[in-house]
PDB file of all heavy atoms in Angstrom:
ATOM      1  N   ALA A   1       7.029  -4.884   6.179  1.00  0.00           N
ATOM      2  CA  ALA A   1       6.765  -6.345   6.038  1.00  0.00           C
ATOM      3  C   ALA A   1       8.149  -6.980   6.349  1.00  0.00           C
ATOM      4  O   ALA A   1       8.222  -7.957   7.072  1.00  0.00           O
ATOM      5  CB  ALA A   1       6.305  -6.694   4.695  1.00  0.00           C
ATOM      6  N   ALA A   2       9.233  -6.465   5.884  1.00  0.00           N
ATOM      7  CA  ALA A   2      10.547  -7.037   6.166  1.00  0.00           C
ATOM      8  C   ALA A   2      10.914  -7.019   7.581  1.00  0.00           C
ATOM      9  O   ALA A   2      11.431  -7.991   8.076  1.00  0.00           O
ATOM     10  CB  ALA A   2      11.643  -6.350   5.207  1.00  0.00           C
ATOM     11  N   LEU A   3      10.561  -5.870   8.214  1.00  0.00           N
ATOM     12  CA  LEU A   3      10.850  -5.820   9.590  1.00  0.00           C
ATOM     13  C   LEU A   3      10.116  -6.822  10.495  1.00  0.00           C
ATOM     14  O   LEU A   3      10.755  -7.470  11.356  1.00  0.00           O
ATOM     15  CB  LEU A   3      10.540  -4.358  10.116  1.00  0.00           C
ATOM     16  CG  LEU A   3      10.615  -4.038  11.560  1.00  0.00           C
ATOM     17  CD1 LEU A   3      12.174  -4.268  12.034  1.00  0.00           C
ATOM     18  CD2 LEU A   3      10.196  -2.599  11.849  1.00  0.00           C
ATOM     19  N   VAL A   4       8.847  -6.933  10.261  1.00  0.00           N
ATOM     20  CA  VAL A   4       8.123  -7.890  11.016  1.00  0.00           C
ATOM     21  C   VAL A   4       8.510  -9.420  10.696  1.00  0.00           C
ATOM     22  O   VAL A   4       8.442 -10.349  11.609  1.00  0.00           O
ATOM     23  CB  VAL A   4       6.474  -7.738  10.884  1.00  0.00           C
ATOM     24  CG1 VAL A   4       6.118  -6.385  11.507  1.00  0.00           C
ATOM     25  CG2 VAL A   4       6.010  -7.859   9.544  1.00  0.00           C
ATOM     26  N   ALA A   5       8.912  -9.600   9.507  1.00  0.00           N
ATOM     27  CA  ALA A   5       9.433 -10.904   9.032  1.00  0.00           C
ATOM     28  C   ALA A   5      10.685 -11.228   9.823  1.00  0.00           C
ATOM     29  O   ALA A   5      10.988 -12.470  10.090  1.00  0.00           O
ATOM     30  CB  ALA A   5       9.637 -11.017   7.539  1.00  0.00           C
ATOM     31  N   GLU A   6      11.531 -10.234  10.032  1.00  0.00           N
ATOM     32  CA  GLU A   6      12.801 -10.434  10.868  1.00  0.00           C
ATOM     33  C   GLU A   6      12.495 -10.824  12.177  1.00  0.00           C
ATOM     34  O   GLU A   6      13.291 -11.643  12.798  1.00  0.00           O
ATOM     35  CB  GLU A   6      13.544  -9.104  10.824  1.00  0.00           C
ATOM     36  CG  GLU A   6      14.801  -9.189  11.516  1.00  0.00           C
ATOM     37  CD  GLU A   6      15.903 -10.125  10.923  1.00  0.00           C
ATOM     38  OE1 GLU A   6      15.835 -10.226   9.551  1.00  0.00           O
ATOM     39  OE2 GLU A   6      16.665 -10.772  11.627  1.00  0.00           O
ATOM     40  N   TYR A   7      11.398 -10.570  12.834  1.00  0.00           N
ATOM     41  CA  TYR A   7      11.031 -10.951  14.102  1.00  0.00           C
ATOM     42  C   TYR A   7      10.116 -12.126  14.183  1.00  0.00           C
ATOM     43  O   TYR A   7       9.442 -12.503  15.139  1.00  0.00           O
ATOM     44  CB  TYR A   7      10.457  -9.751  14.801  1.00  0.00           C
ATOM     45  CG  TYR A   7      11.550  -8.869  15.247  1.00  0.00           C
ATOM     46  CD1 TYR A   7      11.636  -7.649  14.662  1.00  0.00           C
ATOM     47  CD2 TYR A   7      12.297  -9.084  16.431  1.00  0.00           C
ATOM     48  CE1 TYR A   7      12.699  -6.734  15.021  1.00  0.00           C
ATOM     49  CE2 TYR A   7      13.304  -8.249  16.753  1.00  0.00           C
ATOM     50  CZ  TYR A   7      13.468  -7.091  16.074  1.00  0.00           C
ATOM     51  OH  TYR A   7      14.505  -6.187  16.486  1.00  0.00           O
ATOM     52  N   GLY A   8      10.000 -12.811  12.968  1.00  0.00           N
ATOM     53  CA  GLY A   8       9.257 -14.095  12.965  1.00  0.00           C
ATOM     54  C   GLY A   8       7.799 -14.125  12.559  1.00  0.00           C
ATOM     55  O   GLY A   8       7.171 -15.196  12.467  1.00  0.00           O
ATOM     56  N   LEU A   9       7.260 -13.002  12.150  1.00  0.00           N
ATOM     57  CA  LEU A   9       5.880 -12.971  11.585  1.00  0.00           C
ATOM     58  C   LEU A   9       5.917 -12.933  10.104  1.00  0.00           C
ATOM     59  O   LEU A   9       6.301 -11.879   9.576  1.00  0.00           O
ATOM     60  CB  LEU A   9       5.145 -11.695  12.242  1.00  0.00           C
ATOM     61  CG  LEU A   9       3.727 -11.500  11.682  1.00  0.00           C
ATOM     62  CD1 LEU A   9       2.821 -12.680  12.147  1.00  0.00           C
ATOM     63  CD2 LEU A   9       3.147 -10.182  12.115  1.00  0.00           C
ATOM     64  N   ALA A  10       5.527 -14.034   9.600  1.00  0.00           N
ATOM     65  CA  ALA A  10       5.569 -14.030   8.071  1.00  0.00           C
ATOM     66  C   ALA A  10       4.409 -13.415   7.406  1.00  0.00           C
ATOM     67  O   ALA A  10       3.248 -13.709   7.817  1.00  0.00           O
ATOM     68  CB  ALA A  10       5.553 -15.533   7.618  1.00  0.00           C
ATOM     69  N   VAL A  11       4.619 -12.325   6.706  1.00  0.00           N
ATOM     70  CA  VAL A  11       3.595 -11.540   5.984  1.00  0.00           C
ATOM     71  C   VAL A  11       3.661 -12.144   4.500  1.00  0.00           C
ATOM     72  O   VAL A  11       4.607 -11.884   3.841  1.00  0.00           O
ATOM     73  CB  VAL A  11       3.873 -10.112   6.053  1.00  0.00           C
ATOM     74  CG1 VAL A  11       2.762  -9.359   5.366  1.00  0.00           C
ATOM     75  CG2 VAL A  11       3.911  -9.599   7.456  1.00  0.00           C
ATOM     76  N   PRO A  12       2.549 -12.749   4.068  1.00  0.00           N
ATOM     77  CA  PRO A  12       2.580 -13.119   2.630  1.00  0.00           C
ATOM     78  C   PRO A  12       2.622 -12.102   1.686  1.00  0.00           C
ATOM     79  O   PRO A  12       2.181 -10.907   1.945  1.00  0.00           O
ATOM     80  CB  PRO A  12       1.109 -13.878   2.569  1.00  0.00           C
ATOM     81  CG  PRO A  12       0.654 -14.073   3.950  1.00  0.00           C
ATOM     82  CD  PRO A  12       1.309 -13.124   4.855  1.00  0.00           C
ATOM     83  N   ASP A  13       3.170 -12.340   0.482  1.00  0.00           N
ATOM     84  CA  ASP A  13       3.371 -11.358  -0.523  1.00  0.00           C
ATOM     85  C   ASP A  13       2.003 -10.749  -0.891  1.00  0.00           C
ATOM     86  O   ASP A  13       1.997  -9.560  -1.251  1.00  0.00           O
ATOM     87  CB  ASP A  13       4.025 -11.834  -1.730  1.00  0.00           C
ATOM     88  CG  ASP A  13       5.469 -12.273  -1.488  1.00  0.00           C
ATOM     89  OD1 ASP A  13       6.151 -11.699  -0.411  1.00  0.00           O
ATOM     90  OD2 ASP A  13       6.133 -13.032  -2.179  1.00  0.00           O
ATOM     91  N   GLY A  14       0.899 -11.544  -0.988  1.00  0.00           N
ATOM     92  CA  GLY A  14      -0.312 -11.045  -1.297  1.00  0.00           C
ATOM     93  C   GLY A  14      -0.865 -10.015  -0.413  1.00  0.00           C
ATOM     94  O   GLY A  14      -1.474  -9.097  -0.808  1.00  0.00           O
ATOM     95  N   VAL A  15      -0.519 -10.161   0.921  1.00  0.00           N
ATOM     96  CA  VAL A  15      -1.141  -9.109   1.894  1.00  0.00           C
ATOM     97  C   VAL A  15      -0.222  -7.906   1.842  1.00  0.00           C
ATOM     98  O   VAL A  15      -0.892  -6.697   1.690  1.00  0.00           O
ATOM     99  CB  VAL A  15      -0.852  -9.697   3.286  1.00  0.00           C
ATOM    100  CG1 VAL A  15      -1.107  -8.566   4.375  1.00  0.00           C
ATOM    101  CG2 VAL A  15      -1.828 -10.908   3.558  1.00  0.00           C
ATOM    102  N   THR A  16       1.063  -7.984   1.581  1.00  0.00           N
ATOM    103  CA  THR A  16       1.797  -6.817   1.275  1.00  0.00           C
ATOM    104  C   THR A  16       1.349  -6.066   0.050  1.00  0.00           C
ATOM    105  O   THR A  16       1.299  -4.843   0.079  1.00  0.00           O
ATOM    106  CB  THR A  16       3.350  -7.128   1.270  1.00  0.00           C
ATOM    107  OG1 THR A  16       3.727  -7.819   2.299  1.00  0.00           O
ATOM    108  CG2 THR A  16       4.261  -5.951   1.071  1.00  0.00           C
ATOM    109  N   GLY A  17       1.155  -6.875  -1.069  1.00  0.00           N
ATOM    110  CA  GLY A  17       0.729  -6.219  -2.225  1.00  0.00           C
ATOM    111  C   GLY A  17      -0.735  -5.611  -2.036  1.00  0.00           C
ATOM    112  O   GLY A  17      -0.913  -4.495  -2.631  1.00  0.00           O
ATOM    113  N   ALA A  18      -1.518  -6.232  -1.312  1.00  0.00           N
ATOM    114  CA  ALA A  18      -2.963  -5.665  -1.162  1.00  0.00           C
ATOM    115  C   ALA A  18      -2.866  -4.380  -0.352  1.00  0.00           C
ATOM    116  O   ALA A  18      -3.525  -3.426  -0.668  1.00  0.00           O
ATOM    117  CB  ALA A  18      -3.824  -6.647  -0.423  1.00  0.00           C
ATOM    118  N   ILE A  19      -2.045  -4.297   0.705  1.00  0.00           N
ATOM    119  CA  ILE A  19      -1.883  -3.062   1.452  1.00  0.00           C
ATOM    120  C   ILE A  19      -1.324  -1.960   0.591  1.00  0.00           C
ATOM    121  O   ILE A  19      -1.728  -0.915   0.614  1.00  0.00           O
ATOM    122  CB  ILE A  19      -1.092  -3.422   2.719  1.00  0.00           C
ATOM    123  CG1 ILE A  19      -1.790  -4.339   3.596  1.00  0.00           C
ATOM    124  CG2 ILE A  19      -0.826  -2.027   3.480  1.00  0.00           C
ATOM    125  CD1 ILE A  19      -1.049  -4.810   4.823  1.00  0.00           C
ATOM    126  N   SER A  20      -0.276  -2.318  -0.117  1.00  0.00           N
ATOM    127  CA  SER A  20       0.401  -1.308  -1.097  1.00  0.00           C
ATOM    128  C   SER A  20      -0.590  -0.877  -2.127  1.00  0.00           C
ATOM    129  O   SER A  20      -0.670   0.339  -2.293  1.00  0.00           O
ATOM    130  CB  SER A  20       1.473  -1.880  -1.785  1.00  0.00           C
ATOM    131  OG  SER A  20       2.624  -2.217  -0.886  1.00  0.00           O
ATOM    132  N   ALA A  21      -1.428  -1.647  -2.587  1.00  0.00           N
ATOM    133  CA  ALA A  21      -2.462  -1.221  -3.679  1.00  0.00           C
ATOM    134  C   ALA A  21      -3.510  -0.315  -2.967  1.00  0.00           C
ATOM    135  O   ALA A  21      -3.944   0.642  -3.530  1.00  0.00           O
ATOM    136  CB  ALA A  21      -3.193  -2.452  -4.234  1.00  0.00           C
ATOM    137  N   SER A  22      -3.828  -0.648  -1.716  1.00  0.00           N
ATOM    138  CA  SER A  22      -4.829   0.318  -1.027  1.00  0.00           C
ATOM    139  C   SER A  22      -4.246   1.594  -0.751  1.00  0.00           C
ATOM    140  O   SER A  22      -4.944   2.643  -0.958  1.00  0.00           O
ATOM    141  CB  SER A  22      -5.077  -0.381   0.371  1.00  0.00           C
ATOM    142  OG  SER A  22      -5.729  -1.679   0.147  1.00  0.00           O
ATOM    143  N   VAL A  23      -2.918   1.636  -0.427  1.00  0.00           N
ATOM    144  CA  VAL A  23      -2.407   2.956  -0.232  1.00  0.00           C
ATOM    145  C   VAL A  23      -2.316   3.742  -1.544  1.00  0.00           C
ATOM    146  O   VAL A  23      -2.509   4.926  -1.542  1.00  0.00           O
ATOM    147  CB  VAL A  23      -0.814   2.786   0.397  1.00  0.00           C
ATOM    148  CG1 VAL A  23      -0.078   4.040   0.240  1.00  0.00           C
ATOM    149  CG2 VAL A  23      -0.918   2.239   1.843  1.00  0.00           C
ATOM    150  N   LEU A  24      -1.877   3.138  -2.602  1.00  0.00           N
ATOM    151  CA  LEU A  24      -1.884   3.771  -3.877  1.00  0.00           C
ATOM    152  C   LEU A  24      -3.352   4.271  -4.249  1.00  0.00           C
ATOM    153  O   LEU A  24      -3.485   5.391  -4.801  1.00  0.00           O
ATOM    154  CB  LEU A  24      -1.347   2.869  -4.948  1.00  0.00           C
ATOM    155  CG  LEU A  24       0.219   2.564  -4.851  1.00  0.00           C
ATOM    156  CD1 LEU A  24       0.463   1.548  -5.898  1.00  0.00           C
ATOM    157  CD2 LEU A  24       0.951   3.857  -4.990  1.00  0.00           C
ATOM    158  N   ALA A  25      -4.282   3.416  -3.960  1.00  0.00           N
ATOM    159  CA  ALA A  25      -5.671   3.911  -4.339  1.00  0.00           C
ATOM    160  C   ALA A  25      -6.120   5.163  -3.464  1.00  0.00           C
ATOM    161  O   ALA A  25      -6.724   5.990  -4.058  1.00  0.00           O
ATOM    162  CB  ALA A  25      -6.658   2.717  -4.156  1.00  0.00           C
ATOM    163  N   LEU A  26      -5.757   5.115  -2.176  1.00  0.00           N
ATOM    164  CA  LEU A  26      -6.002   6.287  -1.379  1.00  0.00           C
ATOM    165  C   LEU A  26      -5.350   7.480  -1.816  1.00  0.00           C
ATOM    166  O   LEU A  26      -5.963   8.536  -1.814  1.00  0.00           O
ATOM    167  CB  LEU A  26      -5.675   5.993   0.091  1.00  0.00           C
ATOM    168  CG  LEU A  26      -6.649   5.031   0.823  1.00  0.00           C
ATOM    169  CD1 LEU A  26      -6.016   4.730   2.263  1.00  0.00           C
ATOM    170  CD2 LEU A  26      -7.968   5.686   1.037  1.00  0.00           C
ATOM    171  N   PHE A  27      -4.094   7.361  -2.266  1.00  0.00           N
ATOM    172  CA  PHE A  27      -3.364   8.530  -2.799  1.00  0.00           C
ATOM    173  C   PHE A  27      -4.009   8.994  -4.013  1.00  0.00           C
ATOM    174  O   PHE A  27      -4.092  10.244  -4.355  1.00  0.00           O
ATOM    175  CB  PHE A  27      -1.856   8.204  -3.098  1.00  0.00           C
ATOM    176  CG  PHE A  27      -1.092   8.550  -1.923  1.00  0.00           C
ATOM    177  CD1 PHE A  27      -0.562   7.606  -1.059  1.00  0.00           C
ATOM    178  CD2 PHE A  27      -0.679   9.853  -1.756  1.00  0.00           C
ATOM    179  CE1 PHE A  27       0.268   7.944   0.034  1.00  0.00           C
ATOM    180  CE2 PHE A  27       0.242  10.180  -0.682  1.00  0.00           C
ATOM    181  CZ  PHE A  27       0.632   9.205   0.172  1.00  0.00           C
ATOM    182  N   ALA A  28      -4.462   8.086  -4.896  1.00  0.00           N
ATOM    183  CA  ALA A  28      -5.128   8.514  -6.091  1.00  0.00           C
ATOM    184  C   ALA A  28      -6.544   9.188  -5.832  1.00  0.00           C
ATOM    185  O   ALA A  28      -6.740  10.180  -6.598  1.00  0.00           O
ATOM    186  CB  ALA A  28      -5.397   7.257  -7.042  1.00  0.00           C
ATOM    187  N   LEU A  29      -7.278   8.738  -4.952  1.00  0.00           N
ATOM    188  CA  LEU A  29      -8.505   9.400  -4.713  1.00  0.00           C
ATOM    189  C   LEU A  29      -8.363  10.629  -3.854  1.00  0.00           C
ATOM    190  O   LEU A  29      -9.042  11.625  -4.159  1.00  0.00           O
ATOM    191  CB  LEU A  29      -9.318   8.354  -3.787  1.00  0.00           C
ATOM    192  CG  LEU A  29      -9.874   7.147  -4.485  1.00  0.00           C
ATOM    193  CD1 LEU A  29     -10.603   6.278  -3.626  1.00  0.00           C
ATOM    194  CD2 LEU A  29     -10.766   7.601  -5.689  1.00  0.00           C
ATOM    195  N   LEU A  30      -7.430  10.660  -2.786  1.00  0.00           N
ATOM    196  CA  LEU A  30      -7.388  11.861  -1.907  1.00  0.00           C
ATOM    197  C   LEU A  30      -6.167  12.748  -2.232  1.00  0.00           C
ATOM    198  O   LEU A  30      -6.380  14.028  -1.951  1.00  0.00           O
ATOM    199  CB  LEU A  30      -7.250  11.372  -0.522  1.00  0.00           C
ATOM    200  CG  LEU A  30      -8.324  10.368   0.036  1.00  0.00           C
ATOM    201  CD1 LEU A  30      -7.925   9.897   1.427  1.00  0.00           C
ATOM    202  CD2 LEU A  30      -9.668  10.985   0.007  1.00  0.00           C
ATOM    203  N   GLY A  31      -5.261  12.342  -2.807  1.00  0.00           N
ATOM    204  CA  GLY A  31      -4.084  13.252  -2.985  1.00  0.00           C
ATOM    205  C   GLY A  31      -3.904  13.677  -4.361  1.00  0.00           C
ATOM    206  O   GLY A  31      -3.732  14.808  -4.615  1.00  0.00           O
ATOM    207  N   VAL A  32      -3.902  12.848  -5.391  1.00  0.00           N
ATOM    208  CA  VAL A  32      -3.592  13.162  -6.748  1.00  0.00           C
ATOM    209  C   VAL A  32      -4.834  13.707  -7.480  1.00  0.00           C
ATOM    210  O   VAL A  32      -4.785  14.682  -8.082  1.00  0.00           O
ATOM    211  CB  VAL A  32      -2.919  12.020  -7.593  1.00  0.00           C
ATOM    212  CG1 VAL A  32      -2.732  12.403  -8.976  1.00  0.00           C
ATOM    213  CG2 VAL A  32      -1.701  11.534  -6.736  1.00  0.00           C
ATOM    214  N   ARG A  33      -5.892  12.974  -7.385  1.00  0.00           N
ATOM    215  CA  ARG A  33      -7.037  13.320  -8.171  1.00  0.00           C
ATOM    216  C   ARG A  33      -7.620  14.783  -8.050  1.00  0.00           C
ATOM    217  O   ARG A  33      -7.911  15.359  -9.092  1.00  0.00           O
ATOM    218  CB  ARG A  33      -8.164  12.281  -7.977  1.00  0.00           C
ATOM    219  CG  ARG A  33      -9.481  12.475  -8.780  1.00  0.00           C
ATOM    220  CD  ARG A  33      -9.234  12.233 -10.183  1.00  0.00           C
ATOM    221  NE  ARG A  33     -10.359  12.585 -10.930  1.00  0.00           N
ATOM    222  CZ  ARG A  33     -10.458  13.371 -11.953  1.00  0.00           C
ATOM    223  NH1 ARG A  33      -9.322  14.065 -12.359  1.00  0.00           N
ATOM    224  NH2 ARG A  33     -11.528  13.625 -12.540  1.00  0.00           N
ATOM    225  N   PRO A  34      -7.719  15.246  -6.850  1.00  0.00           N
ATOM    226  CA  PRO A  34      -8.242  16.600  -6.752  1.00  0.00           C
ATOM    227  C   PRO A  34      -7.269  17.624  -7.412  1.00  0.00           C
ATOM    228  O   PRO A  34      -7.647  18.869  -7.646  1.00  0.00           O
ATOM    229  CB  PRO A  34      -8.319  16.893  -5.287  1.00  0.00           C
ATOM    230  CG  PRO A  34      -8.328  15.603  -4.595  1.00  0.00           C
ATOM    231  CD  PRO A  34      -7.588  14.631  -5.615  1.00  0.00           C
ATOM    232  N   GLN A  35      -6.053  17.331  -7.669  1.00  0.00           N
ATOM    233  CA  GLN A  35      -5.019  18.347  -8.103  1.00  0.00           C
ATOM    234  C   GLN A  35      -4.838  18.127  -9.676  1.00  0.00           C
ATOM    235  O   GLN A  35      -3.939  18.985 -10.150  1.00  0.00           O
ATOM    236  CB  GLN A  35      -3.692  18.098  -7.419  1.00  0.00           C
ATOM    237  CG  GLN A  35      -3.860  18.244  -5.889  1.00  0.00           C
ATOM    238  CD  GLN A  35      -2.565  17.994  -5.214  1.00  0.00           C
ATOM    239  OE1 GLN A  35      -1.516  17.840  -5.890  1.00  0.00           O
ATOM    240  NE2 GLN A  35      -2.707  17.713  -3.936  1.00  0.00           N
ATOM    241  N   VAL A  36      -5.451  17.250 -10.331  1.00  0.00           N
ATOM    242  CA  VAL A  36      -5.198  16.999 -11.698  1.00  0.00           C
ATOM    243  C   VAL A  36      -6.441  17.241 -12.578  1.00  0.00           C
ATOM    244  O   VAL A  36      -7.410  16.660 -12.175  1.00  0.00           O
ATOM    245  CB  VAL A  36      -4.666  15.459 -11.925  1.00  0.00           C
ATOM    246  CG1 VAL A  36      -4.458  15.170 -13.401  1.00  0.00           C
ATOM    247  CG2 VAL A  36      -3.416  15.356 -11.086  1.00  0.00           C
ATOM    248  N   ASP A  37      -6.323  17.970 -13.670  1.00  0.00           N
ATOM    249  CA  ASP A  37      -7.393  18.147 -14.605  1.00  0.00           C
ATOM    250  C   ASP A  37      -7.304  17.037 -15.674  1.00  0.00           C
ATOM    251  O   ASP A  37      -6.119  16.836 -16.261  1.00  0.00           O
ATOM    252  CB  ASP A  37      -7.353  19.507 -15.153  1.00  0.00           C
ATOM    253  CG  ASP A  37      -7.689  20.621 -14.251  1.00  0.00           C
ATOM    254  OD1 ASP A  37      -8.537  20.296 -13.306  1.00  0.00           O
ATOM    255  OD2 ASP A  37      -7.272  21.745 -14.384  1.00  0.00           O
ATOM    256  N   PRO A  38      -8.271  16.428 -16.135  1.00  0.00           N
ATOM    257  CA  PRO A  38      -8.224  15.564 -17.257  1.00  0.00           C
ATOM    258  C   PRO A  38      -7.904  16.203 -18.551  1.00  0.00           C
ATOM    259  O   PRO A  38      -8.345  17.440 -18.790  1.00  0.00           O
ATOM    260  CB  PRO A  38      -9.595  14.845 -17.269  1.00  0.00           C
ATOM    261  CG  PRO A  38     -10.479  15.890 -16.513  1.00  0.00           C
ATOM    262  CD  PRO A  38      -9.670  16.564 -15.670  1.00  0.00           C
TER     263      PRO A  38
END
């Protein structure tokens, strides 16, 4: 997001946060959850 902002494309904080949350959710579902026992 900082890189594209440097070249003039303003990425709102909400969009960056939403994408980050999506990545964390995918890791939770696909990466962490199958390896952890409750």
